[in-house]
C-alpha atoms as a PDB file:
ATOM      1  CA  MET A   1      13.666  54.056 -52.216  1.00  0.00           C
ATOM      2  CA  VAL A   2      11.337  55.837 -54.643  1.00  0.00           C
ATOM      3  CA  ASP A   3      12.640  53.786 -57.575  1.00  0.00           C
ATOM      4  CA  ARG A   4      12.070  50.564 -55.663  1.00  0.00           C
ATOM      5  CA  LEU A   5       8.595  51.724 -54.716  1.00  0.00           C
ATOM      6  CA  ARG A   6       7.827  52.294 -58.378  1.00  0.00           C
ATOM      7  CA  ALA A   7       9.146  48.836 -59.244  1.00  0.00           C
ATOM      8  CA  PHE A   8       7.010  47.277 -56.548  1.00  0.00           C
ATOM      9  CA  SER A   9       3.870  49.306 -57.302  1.00  0.00           C
ATOM     10  CA  SER A  10       3.107  47.400 -60.497  1.00  0.00           C
ATOM     11  CA  MET A  11       2.778  44.169 -58.525  1.00  0.00           C
ATOM     12  CA  SER A  12       1.330  45.455 -55.253  1.00  0.00           C
ATOM     13  CA  PRO A  13      -1.633  43.476 -53.886  1.00  0.00           C
ATOM     14  CA  GLY A  14      -5.084  44.952 -54.294  1.00  0.00           C
ATOM     15  CA  PRO A  15      -8.527  44.386 -55.825  1.00  0.00           C
ATOM     16  CA  ALA A  16      -7.043  43.974 -59.301  1.00  0.00           C
ATOM     17  CA  GLU A  17      -5.024  41.011 -58.049  1.00  0.00           C
ATOM     18  CA  GLU A  18      -8.125  38.836 -58.340  1.00  0.00           C
ATOM     19  CA  THR A  19      -7.385  38.602 -62.067  1.00  0.00           C
ATOM     20  CA  ARG A  20      -3.573  38.835 -62.092  1.00  0.00           C
ATOM     21  CA  THR A  21      -2.010  36.144 -64.250  1.00  0.00           C
ATOM     22  CA  ALA A  22       1.676  37.114 -64.396  1.00  0.00           C
ATOM     23  CA  GLU A  23       4.443  38.994 -62.637  1.00  0.00           C
ATOM     24  CA  ALA A  24       6.569  40.850 -65.188  1.00  0.00           C
ATOM     25  CA  PRO A  25       9.416  43.127 -64.021  1.00  0.00           C
ATOM     26  CA  LEU A  26      11.424  42.097 -67.180  1.00  0.00           C
ATOM     27  CA  PHE A  27      14.621  40.828 -65.534  1.00  0.00           C
ATOM     28  CA  ALA A  28      14.739  38.150 -62.837  1.00  0.00           C
ATOM     29  CA  SER A  29      16.873  40.428 -60.685  1.00  0.00           C
ATOM     30  CA  GLY A  30      14.160  43.110 -60.787  1.00  0.00           C
ATOM     31  CA  LEU A  31      11.534  40.751 -59.416  1.00  0.00           C
ATOM     32  CA  LEU A  32      13.856  39.627 -56.634  1.00  0.00           C
ATOM     33  CA  ARG A  33      14.642  43.244 -55.734  1.00  0.00           C
ATOM     34  CA  ALA A  34      10.909  43.878 -55.432  1.00  0.00           C
ATOM     35  CA  ILE A  35      10.534  40.881 -53.118  1.00  0.00           C
ATOM     36  CA  ARG A  36      13.495  42.086 -51.060  1.00  0.00           C
ATOM     37  CA  PHE A  37      11.848  45.505 -50.836  1.00  0.00           C
ATOM     38  CA  LEU A  38       8.717  43.787 -49.523  1.00  0.00           C
ATOM     39  CA  GLN A  39      10.764  41.886 -46.935  1.00  0.00           C
ATOM     40  CA  LEU A  40      12.293  45.112 -45.654  1.00  0.00           C
ATOM     41  CA  HIS A  41       9.243  47.372 -45.784  1.00  0.00           C
ATOM     42  CA  TRP A  42       6.106  45.244 -45.395  1.00  0.00           C
ATOM     43  CA  LYS A  43       5.305  46.817 -42.018  1.00  0.00           C
ATOM     44  CA  GLN A  44       5.309  50.313 -43.486  1.00  0.00           C
ATOM     45  CA  LEU A  45       3.393  49.119 -46.546  1.00  0.00           C
ATOM     46  CA  SER A  46       0.769  47.474 -44.346  1.00  0.00           C
ATOM     47  CA  HIS A  47       0.410  50.699 -42.378  1.00  0.00           C
ATOM     48  CA  ASP A  48       0.057  52.773 -45.548  1.00  0.00           C
ATOM     49  CA  ILE A  49      -2.542  50.399 -47.002  1.00  0.00           C
ATOM     50  CA  ALA A  50      -4.526  50.324 -43.764  1.00  0.00           C
ATOM     51  CA  SER A  51      -4.535  54.108 -43.375  1.00  0.00           C
ATOM     52  CA  GLY A  52      -4.751  55.058 -47.030  1.00  0.00           C
ATOM     53  CA  THR A  53      -1.745  57.344 -46.644  1.00  0.00           C
ATOM     54  CA  LEU A  54       1.808  57.369 -47.945  1.00  0.00           C
ATOM     55  CA  SER A  55       4.941  57.077 -45.828  1.00  0.00           C
ATOM     56  CA  PRO A  56       6.802  60.375 -45.165  1.00  0.00           C
ATOM     57  CA  ALA A  57       9.896  58.568 -46.458  1.00  0.00           C
ATOM     58  CA  ILE A  58       8.503  59.035 -49.971  1.00  0.00           C
ATOM     59  CA  THR A  59       9.481  62.626 -50.746  1.00  0.00           C
ATOM     60  CA  ASP A  60       9.008  62.687 -54.527  1.00  0.00           C
ATOM     61  CA  LEU A  61       6.020  65.019 -54.992  1.00  0.00           C
ATOM     62  CA  SER A  62       4.940  63.426 -58.274  1.00  0.00           C
ATOM     63  CA  VAL A  63       4.784  60.018 -56.589  1.00  0.00           C
ATOM     64  CA  ARG A  64       2.902  61.400 -53.592  1.00  0.00           C
ATOM     65  CA  ASP A  65       0.403  63.256 -55.778  1.00  0.00           C
ATOM     66  CA  SER A  66      -0.250  60.211 -57.959  1.00  0.00           C
ATOM     67  CA  ALA A  67      -0.627  57.931 -54.939  1.00  0.00           C
ATOM     68  CA  ALA A  68      -3.026  60.357 -53.232  1.00  0.00           C
ATOM     69  CA  GLU A  69      -5.417  60.009 -56.161  1.00  0.00           C
ATOM     70  CA  VAL A  70      -5.854  56.264 -55.714  1.00  0.00           C
ATOM     71  CA  LEU A  71      -5.045  55.495 -52.073  1.00  0.00           C
ATOM     72  CA  LYS A  72      -7.864  54.688 -49.693  1.00  0.00           C
ATOM     73  CA  PRO A  73      -7.951  52.797 -46.376  1.00  0.00           C
ATOM     74  CA  GLU A  74      -8.054  49.034 -46.945  1.00  0.00           C
ATOM     75  CA  PRO A  75      -7.673  47.424 -43.507  1.00  0.00           C
ATOM     76  CA  ASP A  76      -8.586  43.911 -44.679  1.00  0.00           C
ATOM     77  CA  LEU A  77      -5.921  43.973 -47.379  1.00  0.00           C
ATOM     78  CA  ALA A  78      -3.372  45.364 -44.919  1.00  0.00           C
ATOM     79  CA  ARG A  79      -4.176  42.598 -42.447  1.00  0.00           C
ATOM     80  CA  PHE A  80      -3.793  39.965 -45.163  1.00  0.00           C
ATOM     81  CA  LEU A  81      -0.396  41.354 -46.197  1.00  0.00           C
ATOM     82  CA  LYS A  82       0.754  41.524 -42.577  1.00  0.00           C
ATOM     83  CA  ASP A  83      -0.342  37.945 -41.864  1.00  0.00           C
ATOM     84  CA  GLU A  84       1.612  36.573 -44.833  1.00  0.00           C
ATOM     85  CA  CYS A  85       4.751  38.692 -44.505  1.00  0.00           C
ATOM     86  CA  SER A  86       5.127  38.211 -40.749  1.00  0.00           C
ATOM     87  CA  LYS A  87       5.664  34.469 -41.217  1.00  0.00           C
ATOM     88  CA  SER A  88       9.278  33.319 -41.000  1.00  0.00           C
ATOM     89  CA  ASP A  89       8.961  31.109 -44.076  1.00  0.00           C
ATOM     90  CA  TRP A  90       8.835  33.098 -47.317  1.00  0.00           C
ATOM     91  CA  ALA A  91       8.630  30.069 -49.594  1.00  0.00           C
ATOM     92  CA  ARG A  92       5.895  30.517 -52.239  1.00  0.00           C
ATOM     93  CA  ILE A  93       5.355  34.136 -51.124  1.00  0.00           C
ATOM     94  CA  ILE A  94       4.363  35.134 -54.672  1.00  0.00           C
ATOM     95  CA  THR A  95       1.514  32.641 -54.898  1.00  0.00           C
ATOM     96  CA  ARG A  96       0.506  33.300 -51.305  1.00  0.00           C
ATOM     97  CA  ILE A  97       0.043  37.029 -51.886  1.00  0.00           C
ATOM     98  CA  TRP A  98      -1.059  36.759 -55.524  1.00  0.00           C
ATOM     99  CA  PRO A  99      -2.777  33.327 -55.644  1.00  0.00           C
ATOM    100  CA  ASN A 100      -3.990  33.698 -59.233  1.00  0.00           C
ATOM    101  CA  THR A 101      -0.514  34.230 -60.666  1.00  0.00           C
ATOM    102  CA  LYS A 102       0.042  31.683 -63.441  1.00  0.00           C
ATOM    103  CA  TYR A 103       3.640  32.385 -64.460  1.00  0.00           C
ATOM    104  CA  LEU A 104       6.617  34.717 -64.011  1.00  0.00           C
ATOM    105  CA  ASP A 105       7.402  36.744 -67.139  1.00  0.00           C
ATOM    106  CA  VAL A 106      11.100  37.409 -66.556  1.00  0.00           C
ATOM    107  CA  VAL A 107      14.370  37.093 -68.450  1.00  0.00           C
ATOM    108  CA  ILE A 108      16.252  34.116 -66.966  1.00  0.00           C
ATOM    109  CA  THR A 109      19.011  33.548 -69.517  1.00  0.00           C
ATOM    110  CA  GLY A 110      22.594  34.794 -69.501  1.00  0.00           C
ATOM    111  CA  THR A 111      23.577  36.381 -66.201  1.00  0.00           C
ATOM    112  CA  MET A 112      19.951  36.142 -65.023  1.00  0.00           C
ATOM    113  CA  ALA A 113      20.156  32.320 -64.930  1.00  0.00           C
ATOM    114  CA  GLN A 114      21.780  32.486 -61.490  1.00  0.00           C
ATOM    115  CA  TYR A 115      18.455  33.641 -60.025  1.00  0.00           C
ATOM    116  CA  ILE A 116      16.400  30.641 -61.192  1.00  0.00           C
ATOM    117  CA  PRO A 117      16.651  28.682 -57.876  1.00  0.00           C
ATOM    118  CA  THR A 118      15.602  31.752 -55.872  1.00  0.00           C
ATOM    119  CA  LEU A 119      12.657  32.390 -58.200  1.00  0.00           C
ATOM    120  CA  GLU A 120      11.605  28.761 -57.797  1.00  0.00           C
ATOM    121  CA  PHE A 121      11.693  29.232 -54.022  1.00  0.00           C
ATOM    122  CA  TYR A 122       9.596  32.395 -53.962  1.00  0.00           C
ATOM    123  CA  GLY A 123       7.379  31.335 -56.863  1.00  0.00           C
ATOM    124  CA  GLY A 124       6.545  27.891 -55.556  1.00  0.00           C
ATOM    125  CA  GLY A 125       7.285  26.229 -58.869  1.00  0.00           C
ATOM    126  CA  LEU A 126       5.486  28.747 -61.089  1.00  0.00           C
ATOM    127  CA  PRO A 127       6.551  28.497 -64.738  1.00  0.00           C
ATOM    128  CA  MET A 128       9.074  31.117 -65.829  1.00  0.00           C
ATOM    129  CA  ALA A 129       8.482  32.636 -69.267  1.00  0.00           C
ATOM    130  CA  SER A 130      11.665  34.125 -70.696  1.00  0.00           C
ATOM    131  CA  THR A 131       9.974  35.668 -73.711  1.00  0.00           C
ATOM    132  CA  MET A 132      12.659  37.898 -75.187  1.00  0.00           C
ATOM    133  CA  TYR A 133      16.366  38.370 -75.777  1.00  0.00           C
ATOM    134  CA  ALA A 134      17.568  41.948 -75.616  1.00  0.00           C
ATOM    135  CA  SER A 135      20.463  44.302 -75.033  1.00  0.00           C
ATOM    136  CA  SER A 136      20.863  48.010 -74.426  1.00  0.00           C
ATOM    137  CA  GLU A 137      20.883  48.482 -78.211  1.00  0.00           C
ATOM    138  CA  CYS A 138      17.641  46.738 -79.102  1.00  0.00           C
ATOM    139  CA  TYR A 139      15.361  43.742 -78.715  1.00  0.00           C
ATOM    140  CA  PHE A 140      16.624  41.078 -81.073  1.00  0.00           C
ATOM    141  CA  GLY A 141      15.071  37.726 -80.267  1.00  0.00           C
ATOM    142  CA  LEU A 142      11.824  36.046 -79.232  1.00  0.00           C
ATOM    143  CA  ASN A 143      11.326  32.749 -77.432  1.00  0.00           C
ATOM    144  CA  LEU A 144       8.648  30.959 -79.444  1.00  0.00           C
ATOM    145  CA  ARG A 145       8.128  28.435 -76.615  1.00  0.00           C
ATOM    146  CA  PRO A 146       7.993  30.806 -73.628  1.00  0.00           C
ATOM    147  CA  ILE A 147       6.881  28.234 -71.025  1.00  0.00           C
ATOM    148  CA  CYS A 148       9.609  25.707 -71.835  1.00  0.00           C
ATOM    149  CA  SER A 149      12.141  24.512 -69.270  1.00  0.00           C
ATOM    150  CA  PRO A 150      14.863  27.101 -68.524  1.00  0.00           C
ATOM    151  CA  SER A 151      17.469  24.682 -69.881  1.00  0.00           C
ATOM    152  CA  GLU A 152      15.661  24.495 -73.236  1.00  0.00           C
ATOM    153  CA  ILE A 153      15.232  28.220 -73.910  1.00  0.00           C
ATOM    154  CA  SER A 154      16.227  29.400 -77.373  1.00  0.00           C
ATOM    155  CA  TYR A 155      15.471  32.588 -79.261  1.00  0.00           C
ATOM    156  CA  THR A 156      14.466  33.331 -82.840  1.00  0.00           C
ATOM    157  CA  ILE A 157      16.378  36.353 -84.123  1.00  0.00           C
ATOM    158  CA  LEU A 158      14.429  39.341 -85.448  1.00  0.00           C
ATOM    159  CA  PRO A 159      16.797  40.614 -88.164  1.00  0.00           C
ATOM    160  CA  ASN A 160      14.864  43.848 -88.667  1.00  0.00           C
ATOM    161  CA  MET A 161      15.612  45.101 -85.134  1.00  0.00           C
ATOM    162  CA  GLY A 162      19.311  45.832 -85.633  1.00  0.00           C
ATOM    163  CA  TYR A 163      22.423  44.970 -87.630  1.00  0.00           C
ATOM    164  CA  PHE A 164      23.704  41.533 -86.641  1.00  0.00           C
ATOM    165  CA  GLU A 165      27.215  40.146 -86.914  1.00  0.00           C
ATOM    166  CA  PHE A 166      28.585  36.961 -85.396  1.00  0.00           C
ATOM    167  CA  LEU A 167      31.973  35.906 -84.090  1.00  0.00           C
ATOM    168  CA  PRO A 168      32.595  32.125 -84.211  1.00  0.00           C
ATOM    169  CA  ALA A 169      33.210  30.699 -80.721  1.00  0.00           C
ATOM    170  CA  ASN A 170      35.230  27.660 -79.700  1.00  0.00           C
ATOM    171  CA  ARG A 171      33.108  25.641 -77.254  1.00  0.00           C
ATOM    172  CA  GLU A 172      36.064  23.554 -76.039  1.00  0.00           C
ATOM    173  CA  THR A 173      38.193  26.526 -75.020  1.00  0.00           C
ATOM    174  CA  ASP A 174      35.317  28.934 -74.366  1.00  0.00           C
ATOM    175  CA  SER A 175      37.101  31.511 -76.465  1.00  0.00           C
ATOM    176  CA  GLU A 176      36.615  33.300 -79.758  1.00  0.00           C
ATOM    177  CA  ALA A 177      38.080  31.004 -82.393  1.00  0.00           C
ATOM    178  CA  ASP A 178      38.249  33.604 -85.150  1.00  0.00           C
ATOM    179  CA  THR A 179      38.419  37.380 -85.137  1.00  0.00           C
ATOM    180  CA  GLU A 180      36.539  37.737 -88.433  1.00  0.00           C
ATOM    181  CA  LEU A 181      32.897  38.704 -88.044  1.00  0.00           C
ATOM    182  CA  ILE A 182      30.350  37.072 -90.331  1.00  0.00           C
ATOM    183  CA  ASP A 183      26.895  38.218 -91.380  1.00  0.00           C
ATOM    184  CA  LEU A 184      23.631  36.589 -90.350  1.00  0.00           C
ATOM    185  CA  ALA A 185      23.304  34.929 -93.759  1.00  0.00           C
ATOM    186  CA  ASP A 186      26.609  33.075 -93.220  1.00  0.00           C
ATOM    187  CA  VAL A 187      25.783  31.575 -89.811  1.00  0.00           C
ATOM    188  CA  GLU A 188      25.958  27.750 -89.858  1.00  0.00           C
ATOM    189  CA  VAL A 189      23.528  25.474 -88.042  1.00  0.00           C
ATOM    190  CA  GLY A 190      25.109  23.645 -85.106  1.00  0.00           C
ATOM    191  CA  LYS A 191      27.918  26.120 -84.510  1.00  0.00           C
ATOM    192  CA  GLU A 192      28.140  28.641 -81.683  1.00  0.00           C
ATOM    193  CA  TYR A 193      28.748  32.358 -82.043  1.00  0.00           C
ATOM    194  CA  VAL A 194      29.165  35.523 -80.032  1.00  0.00           C
ATOM    195  CA  ALA A 195      26.560  37.979 -81.292  1.00  0.00           C
ATOM    196  CA  ARG A 196      27.498  41.581 -82.065  1.00  0.00           C
ATOM    197  CA  ILE A 197      24.527  43.902 -82.534  1.00  0.00           C
ATOM    198  CA  GLY A 198      24.535  47.413 -83.946  1.00  0.00           C
ATOM    199  CA  ASP A 199      21.716  49.924 -83.564  1.00  0.00           C
ATOM    200  CA  HIS A 200      20.057  51.393 -86.655  1.00  0.00           C
ATOM    201  CA  ASN A 201      20.108  54.809 -84.964  1.00  0.00           C
ATOM    202  CA  PRO A 202      23.390  56.554 -85.957  1.00  0.00           C
ATOM    203  CA  THR A 203      23.074  59.024 -83.086  1.00  0.00           C
ATOM    204  CA  LYS A 204      23.836  56.179 -80.656  1.00  0.00           C
ATOM    205  CA  LEU A 205      27.071  55.126 -82.313  1.00  0.00           C
END
């Protein structure tokens, strides 16, 4: 619960929300987990905001100490959150709670693409900016048109971020057509490849 609280804290409503322009938990699944957390715990959150205290369910002392430094009773904000979250319809909940949000800065390619319809439901049609392409090894691509349609997203590779090799893929059979890896310099325009990325840090090999 503490980890989910931390994930939600960066997008919690408050005075700063008057100038919020984006929601950015990195992956689409992370944003949806935060919304699910809100669905399950909005009553407790409303109580904590109204009283300026933290739920006893939060037992991590570092979290409690940090929260105690900034928490104060905000009954109007708590009432606003309660009014919105108590409604049965959660469509557009992001723009209802954070009305100045302009876009969702989340990764929506690869396995994250399955969450696009749900993000459209909660976001009320807010643009989704999938700005980067990354793996556990490194960041290796940027979307130079971040507000484009999800179906048109492409990434420009940053060759200095890692060592890149590519395995030619057969689109018709959805399989690897050749087992020989080729370097970035030998990639051909119009063909599809499975990317293999190595980290520059030898301690991670």
